[in-house]
Amino acid sequence: MTLQTQHTPITQLRLLAEKALLEKADQDRAFADLLKTNPHSAMKALFGADPIPDHRIQVIEEQPGEIVLVLPHAIDESELPDALLDLASGGVSYDAYAWWKKACPATGSDVPAPLDWG
């Protein structure tokens, strides 16, 4: 058995998003309840947008004495919206990077505010 240590950009983005959602849910019970009842609204609240509006999201809260293991399907890039693909493919502007750091402070260090190019 070999553990996969290298992930595709899409999988890396998914893992970062899942980590941010779980950390926020762990810190904020109201957010955890929203995540369970309306995951798309929770994603919009945390990230400022719902990056996968056409996908069904199922949130399961483990109960005492059980472990939930998720076997994700292979993600096909054609399934994801262009905005999410841009983030994963490296087509990210500094403003998008700064937005991500602001929306997901647990994923990295502080980033200065985006520059106003207007």
Protein backbone atom coordinates (compact mmCIF):
# COMPACT_ATOMS: atom_id res chain seq x y z
CA MET A 1 0.00 0.00 0.00
CA THR A 2 1.33 3.42 -0.95
CA LEU A 3 0.17 6.68 0.57
CA GLN A 4 -0.37 9.40 -1.98
CA THR A 5 1.60 12.47 -0.96
CA GLN A 6 1.28 14.49 -4.16
CA HIS A 7 -2.12 15.92 -5.02
CA THR A 8 -3.47 17.59 -8.13
CA PRO A 9 -4.18 21.33 -7.83
CA ILE A 10 -7.92 20.61 -7.68
CA THR A 11 -7.44 18.13 -4.83
CA GLN A 12 -5.17 20.57 -3.00
CA LEU A 13 -7.83 23.26 -3.28
CA ARG A 14 -10.49 20.85 -2.03
CA LEU A 15 -8.34 19.87 0.96
CA LEU A 16 -7.71 23.53 1.85
CA ALA A 17 -11.42 24.35 1.57
CA GLU A 18 -12.39 21.33 3.69
CA LYS A 19 -9.80 22.30 6.31
CA ALA A 20 -11.08 25.88 6.47
CA LEU A 21 -14.72 24.70 6.76
CA LEU A 22 -13.91 22.19 9.51
CA GLU A 23 -11.83 24.69 11.49
CA LYS A 24 -14.59 27.32 11.28
CA ALA A 25 -17.22 24.74 12.30
CA ASP A 26 -15.05 23.68 15.24
CA GLN A 27 -14.79 27.28 16.46
CA ASP A 28 -18.35 28.44 15.73
CA ARG A 29 -21.35 26.24 16.64
CA ALA A 30 -23.78 28.39 14.63
CA PHE A 31 -21.58 27.96 11.56
CA ALA A 32 -21.42 24.19 12.20
CA ASP A 33 -25.22 24.07 12.29
CA LEU A 34 -25.40 26.07 9.04
CA LEU A 35 -22.84 23.75 7.44
CA LYS A 36 -24.99 20.73 8.33
CA THR A 37 -28.30 22.23 7.24
CA ASN A 38 -27.24 24.35 4.25
CA PRO A 39 -23.66 23.67 3.14
CA HIS A 40 -23.86 26.01 0.15
CA SER A 41 -24.84 28.93 2.39
CA ALA A 42 -22.02 28.04 4.79
CA MET A 43 -19.50 28.05 1.94
CA LYS A 44 -20.80 31.40 0.77
CA ALA A 45 -20.56 32.78 4.30
CA LEU A 46 -16.96 31.61 4.71
CA PHE A 47 -15.55 32.14 1.21
CA GLY A 48 -17.76 34.98 -0.05
CA ALA A 49 -19.10 32.77 -2.85
CA ASP A 50 -20.22 29.21 -3.44
CA PRO A 51 -17.49 27.72 -5.65
CA ILE A 52 -19.50 24.60 -6.54
CA PRO A 53 -23.17 25.63 -6.76
CA ASP A 54 -24.15 22.76 -9.06
CA HIS A 55 -22.88 20.00 -6.76
CA ARG A 56 -24.81 18.34 -3.95
CA ILE A 57 -22.92 18.59 -0.67
CA GLN A 58 -23.57 16.12 2.11
CA VAL A 59 -22.27 16.94 5.59
CA ILE A 60 -22.20 14.12 8.12
CA GLU A 61 -21.42 14.69 11.78
CA GLU A 62 -19.68 11.73 13.37
CA GLN A 63 -21.47 10.31 16.37
CA PRO A 64 -19.83 8.80 19.45
CA GLY A 65 -18.50 5.34 18.67
CA GLU A 66 -18.36 5.80 14.90
CA ILE A 67 -15.82 6.93 12.34
CA VAL A 68 -16.88 8.29 8.97
CA LEU A 69 -14.49 7.65 6.10
CA VAL A 70 -15.07 9.42 2.79
CA LEU A 71 -13.78 7.92 -0.43
CA PRO A 72 -13.85 10.83 -2.87
CA HIS A 73 -14.31 10.15 -6.55
CA ALA A 74 -11.66 11.32 -8.97
CA ILE A 75 -12.47 14.93 -9.69
CA ASP A 76 -12.71 15.75 -13.36
CA GLU A 77 -11.76 19.34 -14.09
CA SER A 78 -14.67 19.57 -16.53
CA GLU A 79 -17.03 19.25 -13.54
CA LEU A 80 -15.87 22.47 -11.90
CA PRO A 81 -16.70 26.10 -12.70
CA ASP A 82 -14.07 28.19 -14.47
CA ALA A 83 -13.54 30.46 -11.44
CA LEU A 84 -12.53 27.50 -9.29
CA LEU A 85 -10.33 26.09 -12.03
CA ASP A 86 -8.54 29.44 -12.32
CA LEU A 87 -7.67 29.28 -8.63
CA ALA A 88 -6.41 25.71 -8.88
CA SER A 89 -4.47 26.09 -12.12
CA GLY A 90 -2.31 28.95 -10.99
CA GLY A 91 -4.28 31.59 -12.87
CA VAL A 92 -4.63 33.46 -9.62
CA SER A 93 -4.22 37.19 -9.31
CA TYR A 94 -2.77 38.75 -6.20
CA ASP A 95 -6.27 40.03 -5.33
CA ALA A 96 -7.69 36.48 -5.45
CA TYR A 97 -4.81 35.23 -3.31
CA ALA A 98 -5.34 38.00 -0.76
CA TRP A 99 -9.10 37.27 -0.73
CA TRP A 100 -8.39 33.57 -0.03
CA LYS A 101 -6.06 34.45 2.85
CA LYS A 102 -8.67 36.80 4.30
CA ALA A 103 -11.47 34.24 3.93
CA CYS A 104 -9.32 31.40 5.29
CA PRO A 105 -6.95 32.88 7.87
CA ALA A 106 -6.15 29.45 9.31
CA THR A 107 -4.48 28.35 6.08
CA GLY A 108 -1.50 30.64 6.22
CA SER A 109 0.14 33.82 7.33
CA ASP A 110 -1.26 37.31 7.09
CA VAL A 111 -1.31 38.88 3.66
CA PRO A 112 -1.45 42.63 3.07
CA ALA A 113 -4.64 44.05 1.62
CA PRO A 114 -4.98 43.79 -2.17
CA LEU A 115 -3.72 46.70 -4.16
CA ASP A 116 -6.25 49.05 -5.73
CA TRP A 117 -5.40 48.99 -9.41
CA GLY A 118 -8.36 51.23 -10.33
